[in-house]
């Protein structure tokens, strides 16, 4: 874990380089992630909304880091997800509604 201070300029540079991993290794991110885990009692938020209780594994950016770097440290942009929900978020086919 690094003590690097998280700034928007630094995050933008990481995105430009194609490697955002250093962001996820900062103390600031890890502290925010742990705060979210505790607030959600380590339960997947999407499963809990369906009355299913599964362990949350990943603190996920609802608005993705690469598209919305200004929200990287915004607590309200985070949700705790189990492995399955996180996988589905990134890999499940998305269907566009057409009229």
PDB file of N, CA and C in Angstrom:
ATOM      1  N   UNK A   1       0.858  -1.175   0.000  1.00  0.00           N
ATOM      2  CA  UNK A   1       0.000   0.000   0.000  1.00  0.00           C
ATOM      3  C   UNK A   1       0.899   1.231   0.000  1.00  0.00           C
ATOM      4  N   UNK A   2       0.534   2.187  -0.810  1.00  0.00           N
ATOM      5  CA  UNK A   2       1.323   3.407  -0.933  1.00  0.00           C
ATOM      6  C   UNK A   2       0.633   4.563  -0.225  1.00  0.00           C
ATOM      7  N   UNK A   3       1.436   5.505   0.197  1.00  0.00           N
ATOM      8  CA  UNK A   3       0.902   6.691   0.857  1.00  0.00           C
ATOM      9  C   UNK A   3       0.670   7.821  -0.145  1.00  0.00           C
ATOM     10  N   UNK A   4       0.690   7.515  -1.420  1.00  0.00           N
ATOM     11  CA  UNK A   4       0.488   8.505  -2.465  1.00  0.00           C
ATOM     12  C   UNK A   4      -0.834   9.227  -2.231  1.00  0.00           C
ATOM     13  N   UNK A   5      -0.799  10.573  -2.274  1.00  0.00           N
ATOM     14  CA  UNK A   5      -2.021  11.357  -2.115  1.00  0.00           C
ATOM     15  C   UNK A   5      -2.802  11.317  -3.427  1.00  0.00           C
ATOM     16  N   UNK A   6      -4.056  10.928  -3.357  1.00  0.00           N
ATOM     17  CA  UNK A   6      -4.907  10.790  -4.529  1.00  0.00           C
ATOM     18  C   UNK A   6      -5.397  12.173  -4.973  1.00  0.00           C
ATOM     19  N   UNK A   7      -5.079  12.522  -6.217  1.00  0.00           N
ATOM     20  CA  UNK A   7      -5.583  13.753  -6.815  1.00  0.00           C
ATOM     21  C   UNK A   7      -6.187  13.408  -8.169  1.00  0.00           C
ATOM     22  N   UNK A   8      -7.060  14.269  -8.656  1.00  0.00           N
ATOM     23  CA  UNK A   8      -7.682  14.042  -9.955  1.00  0.00           C
ATOM     24  C   UNK A   8      -6.626  14.016 -11.056  1.00  0.00           C
ATOM     25  N   UNK A   9      -5.654  14.912 -10.994  1.00  0.00           N
ATOM     26  CA  UNK A   9      -4.598  14.925 -12.011  1.00  0.00           C
ATOM     27  C   UNK A   9      -3.841  13.604 -12.039  1.00  0.00           C
ATOM     28  N   UNK A  10      -3.553  13.058 -10.867  1.00  0.00           N
ATOM     29  CA  UNK A  10      -2.826  11.786 -10.789  1.00  0.00           C
ATOM     30  C   UNK A  10      -3.673  10.650 -11.371  1.00  0.00           C
ATOM     31  N   UNK A  11      -4.952  10.625 -11.028  1.00  0.00           N
ATOM     32  CA  UNK A  11      -5.847   9.595 -11.565  1.00  0.00           C
ATOM     33  C   UNK A  11      -5.935   9.709 -13.086  1.00  0.00           C
ATOM     34  N   UNK A  12      -6.055  10.930 -13.596  1.00  0.00           N
ATOM     35  CA  UNK A  12      -6.100  11.131 -15.051  1.00  0.00           C
ATOM     36  C   UNK A  12      -4.820  10.624 -15.717  1.00  0.00           C
ATOM     37  N   UNK A  13      -3.677  10.844 -15.086  1.00  0.00           N
ATOM     38  CA  UNK A  13      -2.403  10.348 -15.625  1.00  0.00           C
ATOM     39  C   UNK A  13      -2.385   8.820 -15.624  1.00  0.00           C
ATOM     40  N   UNK A  14      -2.911   8.207 -14.580  1.00  0.00           N
ATOM     41  CA  UNK A  14      -2.976   6.744 -14.526  1.00  0.00           C
ATOM     42  C   UNK A  14      -3.867   6.210 -15.644  1.00  0.00           C
ATOM     43  N   UNK A  15      -5.010   6.833 -15.843  1.00  0.00           N
ATOM     44  CA  UNK A  15      -5.929   6.413 -16.904  1.00  0.00           C
ATOM     45  C   UNK A  15      -5.243   6.546 -18.265  1.00  0.00           C
ATOM     46  N   UNK A  16      -4.553   7.657 -18.475  1.00  0.00           N
ATOM     47  CA  UNK A  16      -3.852   7.879 -19.745  1.00  0.00           C
ATOM     48  C   UNK A  16      -2.772   6.823 -19.976  1.00  0.00           C
ATOM     49  N   UNK A  17      -2.147   6.364 -18.897  1.00  0.00           N
ATOM     50  CA  UNK A  17      -1.094   5.348 -19.018  1.00  0.00           C
ATOM     51  C   UNK A  17      -1.669   3.951 -19.226  1.00  0.00           C
ATOM     52  N   UNK A  18      -2.976   3.795 -18.956  1.00  0.00           N
ATOM     53  CA  UNK A  18      -3.620   2.495 -19.102  1.00  0.00           C
ATOM     54  C   UNK A  18      -3.508   1.608 -17.881  1.00  0.00           C
ATOM     55  N   UNK A  19      -2.972   2.131 -16.787  1.00  0.00           N
ATOM     56  CA  UNK A  19      -2.784   1.327 -15.577  1.00  0.00           C
ATOM     57  C   UNK A  19      -3.327   2.060 -14.357  1.00  0.00           C
ATOM     58  N   UNK A  20      -4.522   1.659 -13.916  1.00  0.00           N
ATOM     59  CA  UNK A  20      -5.128   2.302 -12.744  1.00  0.00           C
ATOM     60  C   UNK A  20      -4.834   1.547 -11.444  1.00  0.00           C
ATOM     61  N   UNK A  21      -4.090   0.462 -11.523  1.00  0.00           N
ATOM     62  CA  UNK A  21      -3.792  -0.338 -10.330  1.00  0.00           C
ATOM     63  C   UNK A  21      -3.169   0.479  -9.201  1.00  0.00           C
ATOM     64  N   UNK A  22      -2.265   1.415  -9.472  1.00  0.00           N
ATOM     65  CA  UNK A  22      -1.697   2.185  -8.351  1.00  0.00           C
ATOM     66  C   UNK A  22      -2.752   2.916  -7.525  1.00  0.00           C
ATOM     67  N   UNK A  23      -3.831   3.351  -8.154  1.00  0.00           N
ATOM     68  CA  UNK A  23      -4.919   4.003  -7.404  1.00  0.00           C
ATOM     69  C   UNK A  23      -5.476   3.053  -6.353  1.00  0.00           C
ATOM     70  N   UNK A  24      -5.713   1.798  -6.757  1.00  0.00           N
ATOM     71  CA  UNK A  24      -6.329   0.821  -5.857  1.00  0.00           C
ATOM     72  C   UNK A  24      -5.370   0.345  -4.764  1.00  0.00           C
ATOM     73  N   UNK A  25      -4.129   0.775  -4.830  1.00  0.00           N
ATOM     74  CA  UNK A  25      -3.147   0.422  -3.803  1.00  0.00           C
ATOM     75  C   UNK A  25      -2.837   1.575  -2.858  1.00  0.00           C
ATOM     76  N   UNK A  26      -3.611   2.660  -2.941  1.00  0.00           N
ATOM     77  CA  UNK A  26      -3.358   3.793  -2.048  1.00  0.00           C
ATOM     78  C   UNK A  26      -4.051   3.594  -0.707  1.00  0.00           C
ATOM     79  N   UNK A  27      -3.484   4.209   0.277  1.00  0.00           N
ATOM     80  CA  UNK A  27      -4.081   4.166   1.621  1.00  0.00           C
ATOM     81  C   UNK A  27      -5.451   4.844   1.607  1.00  0.00           C
ATOM     82  N   UNK A  28      -5.574   5.950   0.878  1.00  0.00           N
ATOM     83  CA  UNK A  28      -6.847   6.675   0.837  1.00  0.00           C
ATOM     84  C   UNK A  28      -7.966   5.785   0.281  1.00  0.00           C
ATOM     85  N   UNK A  29      -7.701   5.077  -0.825  1.00  0.00           N
ATOM     86  CA  UNK A  29      -8.718   4.183  -1.389  1.00  0.00           C
ATOM     87  C   UNK A  29      -9.032   3.055  -0.417  1.00  0.00           C
ATOM     88  N   UNK A  30      -8.010   2.451   0.159  1.00  0.00           N
ATOM     89  CA  UNK A  30      -8.233   1.335   1.075  1.00  0.00           C
ATOM     90  C   UNK A  30      -9.040   1.765   2.300  1.00  0.00           C
ATOM     91  N   UNK A  31      -8.795   2.964   2.800  1.00  0.00           N
ATOM     92  CA  UNK A  31      -9.576   3.466   3.938  1.00  0.00           C
ATOM     93  C   UNK A  31     -11.039   3.676   3.547  1.00  0.00           C
ATOM     94  N   UNK A  32     -11.265   4.256   2.365  1.00  0.00           N
ATOM     95  CA  UNK A  32     -12.635   4.485   1.897  1.00  0.00           C
ATOM     96  C   UNK A  32     -13.346   3.160   1.642  1.00  0.00           C
ATOM     97  N   UNK A  33     -12.636   2.220   1.059  1.00  0.00           N
ATOM     98  CA  UNK A  33     -13.202   0.891   0.788  1.00  0.00           C
ATOM     99  C   UNK A  33     -13.622   0.204   2.087  1.00  0.00           C
ATOM    100  N   UNK A  34     -12.782   0.272   3.097  1.00  0.00           N
ATOM    101  CA  UNK A  34     -13.113  -0.345   4.383  1.00  0.00           C
ATOM    102  C   UNK A  34     -14.298   0.347   5.046  1.00  0.00           C
ATOM    103  N   UNK A  35     -14.387   1.654   4.908  1.00  0.00           N
ATOM    104  CA  UNK A  35     -15.538   2.391   5.447  1.00  0.00           C
ATOM    105  C   UNK A  35     -16.835   1.891   4.800  1.00  0.00           C
ATOM    106  N   UNK A  36     -16.806   1.676   3.490  1.00  0.00           N
ATOM    107  CA  UNK A  36     -17.983   1.183   2.769  1.00  0.00           C
ATOM    108  C   UNK A  36     -18.338  -0.233   3.220  1.00  0.00           C
ATOM    109  N   UNK A  37     -17.329  -1.093   3.351  1.00  0.00           N
ATOM    110  CA  UNK A  37     -17.564  -2.472   3.803  1.00  0.00           C
ATOM    111  C   UNK A  37     -18.254  -2.494   5.165  1.00  0.00           C
ATOM    112  N   UNK A  38     -17.746  -1.696   6.080  1.00  0.00           N
ATOM    113  CA  UNK A  38     -18.328  -1.655   7.429  1.00  0.00           C
ATOM    114  C   UNK A  38     -19.759  -1.128   7.394  1.00  0.00           C
ATOM    115  N   UNK A  39     -19.989  -0.088   6.608  1.00  0.00           N
ATOM    116  CA  UNK A  39     -21.329   0.499   6.533  1.00  0.00           C
ATOM    117  C   UNK A  39     -22.347  -0.495   5.986  1.00  0.00           C
ATOM    118  N   UNK A  40     -21.898  -1.378   5.096  1.00  0.00           N
ATOM    119  CA  UNK A  40     -22.800  -2.359   4.476  1.00  0.00           C
ATOM    120  C   UNK A  40     -22.744  -3.720   5.172  1.00  0.00           C
ATOM    121  N   UNK A  41     -22.063  -3.798   6.294  1.00  0.00           N
ATOM    122  CA  UNK A  41     -21.955  -5.027   7.079  1.00  0.00           C
ATOM    123  C   UNK A  41     -21.419  -6.193   6.237  1.00  0.00           C
ATOM    124  N   UNK A  42     -20.511  -5.865   5.302  1.00  0.00           N
ATOM    125  CA  UNK A  42     -19.882  -6.864   4.418  1.00  0.00           C
ATOM    126  C   UNK A  42     -20.903  -7.674   3.622  1.00  0.00           C
ATOM    127  N   UNK A  43     -22.038  -7.068   3.278  1.00  0.00           N
ATOM    128  CA  UNK A  43     -23.079  -7.749   2.494  1.00  0.00           C
ATOM    129  C   UNK A  43     -23.208  -7.113   1.121  1.00  0.00           C
ATOM    130  N   UNK A  44     -23.393  -7.936   0.123  1.00  0.00           N
ATOM    131  CA  UNK A  44     -23.606  -7.455  -1.234  1.00  0.00           C
ATOM    132  C   UNK A  44     -24.889  -6.624  -1.271  1.00  0.00           C
ATOM    133  N   UNK A  45     -24.784  -5.408  -1.754  1.00  0.00           N
ATOM    134  CA  UNK A  45     -25.945  -4.513  -1.775  1.00  0.00           C
ATOM    135  C   UNK A  45     -27.015  -4.953  -2.766  1.00  0.00           C
ATOM    136  N   UNK A  46     -26.606  -5.462  -3.909  1.00  0.00           N
ATOM    137  CA  UNK A  46     -27.589  -5.879  -4.914  1.00  0.00           C
ATOM    138  C   UNK A  46     -28.329  -7.140  -4.466  1.00  0.00           C
ATOM    139  N   UNK A  47     -27.616  -8.070  -3.890  1.00  0.00           N
ATOM    140  CA  UNK A  47     -28.278  -9.285  -3.382  1.00  0.00           C
ATOM    141  C   UNK A  47     -29.219  -8.929  -2.236  1.00  0.00           C
ATOM    142  N   UNK A  48     -28.754  -8.087  -1.337  1.00  0.00           N
ATOM    143  CA  UNK A  48     -29.569  -7.706  -0.178  1.00  0.00           C
ATOM    144  C   UNK A  48     -30.863  -7.030  -0.629  1.00  0.00           C
ATOM    145  N   UNK A  49     -30.823  -6.288  -1.717  1.00  0.00           N
ATOM    146  CA  UNK A  49     -32.032  -5.647  -2.241  1.00  0.00           C
ATOM    147  C   UNK A  49     -33.061  -6.681  -2.690  1.00  0.00           C
ATOM    148  N   UNK A  50     -32.584  -7.916  -2.958  1.00  0.00           N
ATOM    149  CA  UNK A  50     -33.481  -9.017  -3.355  1.00  0.00           C
ATOM    150  C   UNK A  50     -33.678  -9.992  -2.184  1.00  0.00           C
ATOM    151  N   UNK A  51     -33.345  -9.567  -0.984  1.00  0.00           N
ATOM    152  CA  UNK A  51     -33.477 -10.368   0.237  1.00  0.00           C
ATOM    153  C   UNK A  51     -32.625 -11.628   0.204  1.00  0.00           C
ATOM    154  N   UNK A  52     -31.477 -11.514  -0.449  1.00  0.00           N
ATOM    155  CA  UNK A  52     -30.483 -12.585  -0.464  1.00  0.00           C
ATOM    156  C   UNK A  52     -29.251 -12.015   0.234  1.00  0.00           C
ATOM    157  N   UNK A  53     -28.674 -12.765   1.137  1.00  0.00           N
ATOM    158  CA  UNK A  53     -27.552 -12.241   1.905  1.00  0.00           C
ATOM    159  C   UNK A  53     -26.282 -12.993   1.542  1.00  0.00           C
ATOM    160  N   UNK A  54     -25.401 -12.284   0.811  1.00  0.00           N
ATOM    161  CA  UNK A  54     -24.125 -12.845   0.391  1.00  0.00           C
ATOM    162  C   UNK A  54     -23.013 -11.885   0.784  1.00  0.00           C
ATOM    163  N   UNK A  55     -21.855 -12.451   1.011  1.00  0.00           N
ATOM    164  CA  UNK A  55     -20.695 -11.654   1.404  1.00  0.00           C
ATOM    165  C   UNK A  55     -20.271 -10.738   0.260  1.00  0.00           C
ATOM    166  N   UNK A  56     -20.107  -9.469   0.569  1.00  0.00           N
ATOM    167  CA  UNK A  56     -19.591  -8.510  -0.397  1.00  0.00           C
ATOM    168  C   UNK A  56     -18.087  -8.685  -0.532  1.00  0.00           C
ATOM    169  N   UNK A  57     -17.601  -8.728  -1.737  1.00  0.00           N
ATOM    170  CA  UNK A  57     -16.178  -8.947  -1.997  1.00  0.00           C
ATOM    171  C   UNK A  57     -15.487  -7.713  -2.570  1.00  0.00           C
ATOM    172  N   UNK A  58     -16.205  -6.951  -3.383  1.00  0.00           N
ATOM    173  CA  UNK A  58     -15.580  -5.857  -4.125  1.00  0.00           C
ATOM    174  C   UNK A  58     -16.340  -4.558  -3.923  1.00  0.00           C
ATOM    175  N   UNK A  59     -15.623  -3.507  -3.587  1.00  0.00           N
ATOM    176  CA  UNK A  59     -16.224  -2.182  -3.563  1.00  0.00           C
ATOM    177  C   UNK A  59     -16.085  -1.645  -4.985  1.00  0.00           C
ATOM    178  N   UNK A  60     -17.233  -1.441  -5.614  1.00  0.00           N
ATOM    179  CA  UNK A  60     -17.338  -1.138  -7.030  1.00  0.00           C
ATOM    180  C   UNK A  60     -17.727   0.320  -7.246  1.00  0.00           C
ATOM    181  N   UNK A  61     -17.120   0.951  -8.260  1.00  0.00           N
ATOM    182  CA  UNK A  61     -17.531   2.293  -8.669  1.00  0.00           C
ATOM    183  C   UNK A  61     -18.767   2.162  -9.559  1.00  0.00           C
ATOM    184  N   UNK A  62     -19.881   2.699  -9.128  1.00  0.00           N
ATOM    185  CA  UNK A  62     -21.115   2.634  -9.934  1.00  0.00           C
ATOM    186  C   UNK A  62     -20.918   3.356 -11.266  1.00  0.00           C
ATOM    187  N   UNK A  63     -20.333   4.530 -11.215  1.00  0.00           N
ATOM    188  CA  UNK A  63     -19.906   5.228 -12.429  1.00  0.00           C
ATOM    189  C   UNK A  63     -18.412   4.951 -12.529  1.00  0.00           C
ATOM    190  N   UNK A  64     -18.037   4.245 -13.567  1.00  0.00           N
ATOM    191  CA  UNK A  64     -16.694   3.682 -13.688  1.00  0.00           C
ATOM    192  C   UNK A  64     -15.580   4.730 -13.577  1.00  0.00           C
ATOM    193  N   UNK A  65     -14.508   4.306 -12.954  1.00  0.00           N
ATOM    194  CA  UNK A  65     -13.347   5.158 -12.720  1.00  0.00           C
ATOM    195  C   UNK A  65     -12.828   5.784 -14.011  1.00  0.00           C
ATOM    196  N   UNK A  66     -12.701   4.984 -15.051  1.00  0.00           N
ATOM    197  CA  UNK A  66     -12.131   5.505 -16.305  1.00  0.00           C
ATOM    198  C   UNK A  66     -13.029   6.539 -16.983  1.00  0.00           C
ATOM    199  N   UNK A  67     -14.327   6.442 -16.822  1.00  0.00           N
ATOM    200  CA  UNK A  67     -15.239   7.409 -17.433  1.00  0.00           C
ATOM    201  C   UNK A  67     -15.543   8.607 -16.522  1.00  0.00           C
ATOM    202  N   UNK A  68     -15.458   8.392 -15.217  1.00  0.00           N
ATOM    203  CA  UNK A  68     -15.792   9.439 -14.247  1.00  0.00           C
ATOM    204  C   UNK A  68     -14.714   9.537 -13.164  1.00  0.00           C
ATOM    205  N   UNK A  69     -13.498   9.898 -13.535  1.00  0.00           N
ATOM    206  CA  UNK A  69     -12.407   9.926 -12.546  1.00  0.00           C
ATOM    207  C   UNK A  69     -12.663  10.912 -11.410  1.00  0.00           C
ATOM    208  N   UNK A  70     -13.459  11.938 -11.658  1.00  0.00           N
ATOM    209  CA  UNK A  70     -13.762  12.910 -10.613  1.00  0.00           C
ATOM    210  C   UNK A  70     -14.579  12.291  -9.474  1.00  0.00           C
ATOM    211  N   UNK A  71     -15.166  11.115  -9.713  1.00  0.00           N
ATOM    212  CA  UNK A  71     -15.963  10.429  -8.684  1.00  0.00           C
ATOM    213  C   UNK A  71     -15.198   9.282  -8.015  1.00  0.00           C
ATOM    214  N   UNK A  72     -13.913   9.192  -8.263  1.00  0.00           N
ATOM    215  CA  UNK A  72     -13.109   8.075  -7.758  1.00  0.00           C
ATOM    216  C   UNK A  72     -13.203   7.916  -6.244  1.00  0.00           C
ATOM    217  N   UNK A  73     -13.233   9.018  -5.520  1.00  0.00           N
ATOM    218  CA  UNK A  73     -13.263   8.958  -4.060  1.00  0.00           C
ATOM    219  C   UNK A  73     -14.604   9.417  -3.492  1.00  0.00           C
ATOM    220  N   UNK A  74     -15.634   9.411  -4.299  1.00  0.00           N
ATOM    221  CA  UNK A  74     -16.973   9.811  -3.875  1.00  0.00           C
ATOM    222  C   UNK A  74     -17.673   8.602  -3.256  1.00  0.00           C
ATOM    223  N   UNK A  75     -17.892   8.651  -1.965  1.00  0.00           N
ATOM    224  CA  UNK A  75     -18.509   7.541  -1.234  1.00  0.00           C
ATOM    225  C   UNK A  75     -19.859   7.144  -1.838  1.00  0.00           C
ATOM    226  N   UNK A  76     -20.607   8.122  -2.325  1.00  0.00           N
ATOM    227  CA  UNK A  76     -21.933   7.850  -2.888  1.00  0.00           C
ATOM    228  C   UNK A  76     -21.867   7.165  -4.251  1.00  0.00           C
ATOM    229  N   UNK A  77     -20.692   7.070  -4.827  1.00  0.00           N
ATOM    230  CA  UNK A  77     -20.514   6.390  -6.106  1.00  0.00           C
ATOM    231  C   UNK A  77     -20.043   4.942  -5.910  1.00  0.00           C
ATOM    232  N   UNK A  78     -20.062   4.461  -4.704  1.00  0.00           N
ATOM    233  CA  UNK A  78     -19.559   3.125  -4.402  1.00  0.00           C
ATOM    234  C   UNK A  78     -20.684   2.187  -4.006  1.00  0.00           C
ATOM    235  N   UNK A  79     -20.507   0.910  -4.336  1.00  0.00           N
ATOM    236  CA  UNK A  79     -21.406  -0.126  -3.839  1.00  0.00           C
ATOM    237  C   UNK A  79     -20.592  -1.381  -3.592  1.00  0.00           C
ATOM    238  N   UNK A  80     -20.976  -2.119  -2.577  1.00  0.00           N
ATOM    239  CA  UNK A  80     -20.303  -3.361  -2.225  1.00  0.00           C
ATOM    240  C   UNK A  80     -21.013  -4.514  -2.916  1.00  0.00           C
ATOM    241  N   UNK A  81     -20.253  -5.291  -3.696  1.00  0.00           N
ATOM    242  CA  UNK A  81     -20.828  -6.375  -4.483  1.00  0.00           C
ATOM    243  C   UNK A  81     -20.162  -7.712  -4.179  1.00  0.00           C
ATOM    244  N   UNK A  82     -20.939  -8.776  -4.297  1.00  0.00           N
ATOM    245  CA  UNK A  82     -20.379 -10.120  -4.221  1.00  0.00           C
ATOM    246  C   UNK A  82     -19.667 -10.403  -5.550  1.00  0.00           C
ATOM    247  N   UNK A  83     -18.945 -11.516  -5.607  1.00  0.00           N
ATOM    248  CA  UNK A  83     -18.215 -11.856  -6.832  1.00  0.00           C
ATOM    249  C   UNK A  83     -19.143 -11.982  -8.030  1.00  0.00           C
ATOM    250  N   UNK A  84     -20.279 -12.631  -7.834  1.00  0.00           N
ATOM    251  CA  UNK A  84     -21.214 -12.857  -8.940  1.00  0.00           C
ATOM    252  C   UNK A  84     -21.788 -11.540  -9.474  1.00  0.00           C
ATOM    253  N   UNK A  85     -22.229 -10.670  -8.585  1.00  0.00           N
ATOM    254  CA  UNK A  85     -22.794  -9.392  -9.028  1.00  0.00           C
ATOM    255  C   UNK A  85     -21.733  -8.528  -9.709  1.00  0.00           C
ATOM    256  N   UNK A  86     -20.512  -8.550  -9.181  1.00  0.00           N
ATOM    257  CA  UNK A  86     -19.452  -7.766  -9.802  1.00  0.00           C
ATOM    258  C   UNK A  86     -19.112  -8.324 -11.184  1.00  0.00           C
ATOM    259  N   UNK A  87     -19.056  -9.634 -11.301  1.00  0.00           N
ATOM    260  CA  UNK A  87     -18.811 -10.259 -12.600  1.00  0.00           C
ATOM    261  C   UNK A  87     -19.916  -9.876 -13.586  1.00  0.00           C
ATOM    262  N   UNK A  88     -21.160  -9.987 -13.152  1.00  0.00           N
ATOM    263  CA  UNK A  88     -22.291  -9.650 -14.024  1.00  0.00           C
ATOM    264  C   UNK A  88     -22.266  -8.184 -14.444  1.00  0.00           C
ATOM    265  N   UNK A  89     -21.840  -7.324 -13.556  1.00  0.00           N
ATOM    266  CA  UNK A  89     -21.753  -5.895 -13.887  1.00  0.00           C
ATOM    267  C   UNK A  89     -20.815  -5.665 -15.068  1.00  0.00           C
ATOM    268  N   UNK A  90     -19.724  -6.385 -15.088  1.00  0.00           N
ATOM    269  CA  UNK A  90     -18.713  -6.147 -16.112  1.00  0.00           C
ATOM    270  C   UNK A  90     -18.796  -7.082 -17.314  1.00  0.00           C
ATOM    271  N   UNK A  91     -19.456  -8.225 -17.171  1.00  0.00           N
ATOM    272  CA  UNK A  91     -19.402  -9.225 -18.244  1.00  0.00           C
ATOM    273  C   UNK A  91     -20.750  -9.689 -18.778  1.00  0.00           C
ATOM    274  N   UNK A  92     -21.822  -9.411 -18.093  1.00  0.00           N
ATOM    275  CA  UNK A  92     -23.132  -9.865 -18.571  1.00  0.00           C
ATOM    276  C   UNK A  92     -23.531  -9.046 -19.799  1.00  0.00           C
ATOM    277  N   UNK A  93     -24.176  -9.693 -20.748  1.00  0.00           N
ATOM    278  CA  UNK A  93     -24.625  -8.939 -21.929  1.00  0.00           C
ATOM    279  C   UNK A  93     -25.647  -7.880 -21.538  1.00  0.00           C
ATOM    280  N   UNK A  94     -25.546  -6.753 -22.179  1.00  0.00           N
ATOM    281  CA  UNK A  94     -26.490  -5.658 -21.916  1.00  0.00           C
ATOM    282  C   UNK A  94     -27.410  -5.538 -23.116  1.00  0.00           C
ATOM    283  N   UNK A  95     -28.674  -5.422 -22.825  1.00  0.00           N
ATOM    284  CA  UNK A  95     -29.668  -5.321 -23.886  1.00  0.00           C
ATOM    285  C   UNK A  95     -30.204  -3.898 -23.916  1.00  0.00           C
ATOM    286  N   UNK A  96     -30.161  -3.336 -25.081  1.00  0.00           N
ATOM    287  CA  UNK A  96     -30.671  -1.999 -25.264  1.00  0.00           C
ATOM    288  C   UNK A  96     -32.149  -2.081 -25.607  1.00  0.00           C
ATOM    289  N   UNK A  97     -32.945  -1.312 -24.894  1.00  0.00           N
ATOM    290  CA  UNK A  97     -34.378  -1.324 -25.157  1.00  0.00           C
ATOM    291  C   UNK A  97     -34.661  -0.526 -26.421  1.00  0.00           C
ATOM    292  N   UNK A  98     -35.431  -1.112 -27.295  1.00  0.00           N
ATOM    293  CA  UNK A  98     -35.797  -0.446 -28.552  1.00  0.00           C
ATOM    294  C   UNK A  98     -37.305  -0.455 -28.697  1.00  0.00           C
ATOM    295  N   UNK A  99     -37.830   0.623 -29.202  1.00  0.00           N
ATOM    296  CA  UNK A  99     -39.281   0.733 -29.377  1.00  0.00           C
ATOM    297  C   UNK A  99     -39.643   0.671 -30.817  1.00  0.00           C
TER     298      UNK A  99
END
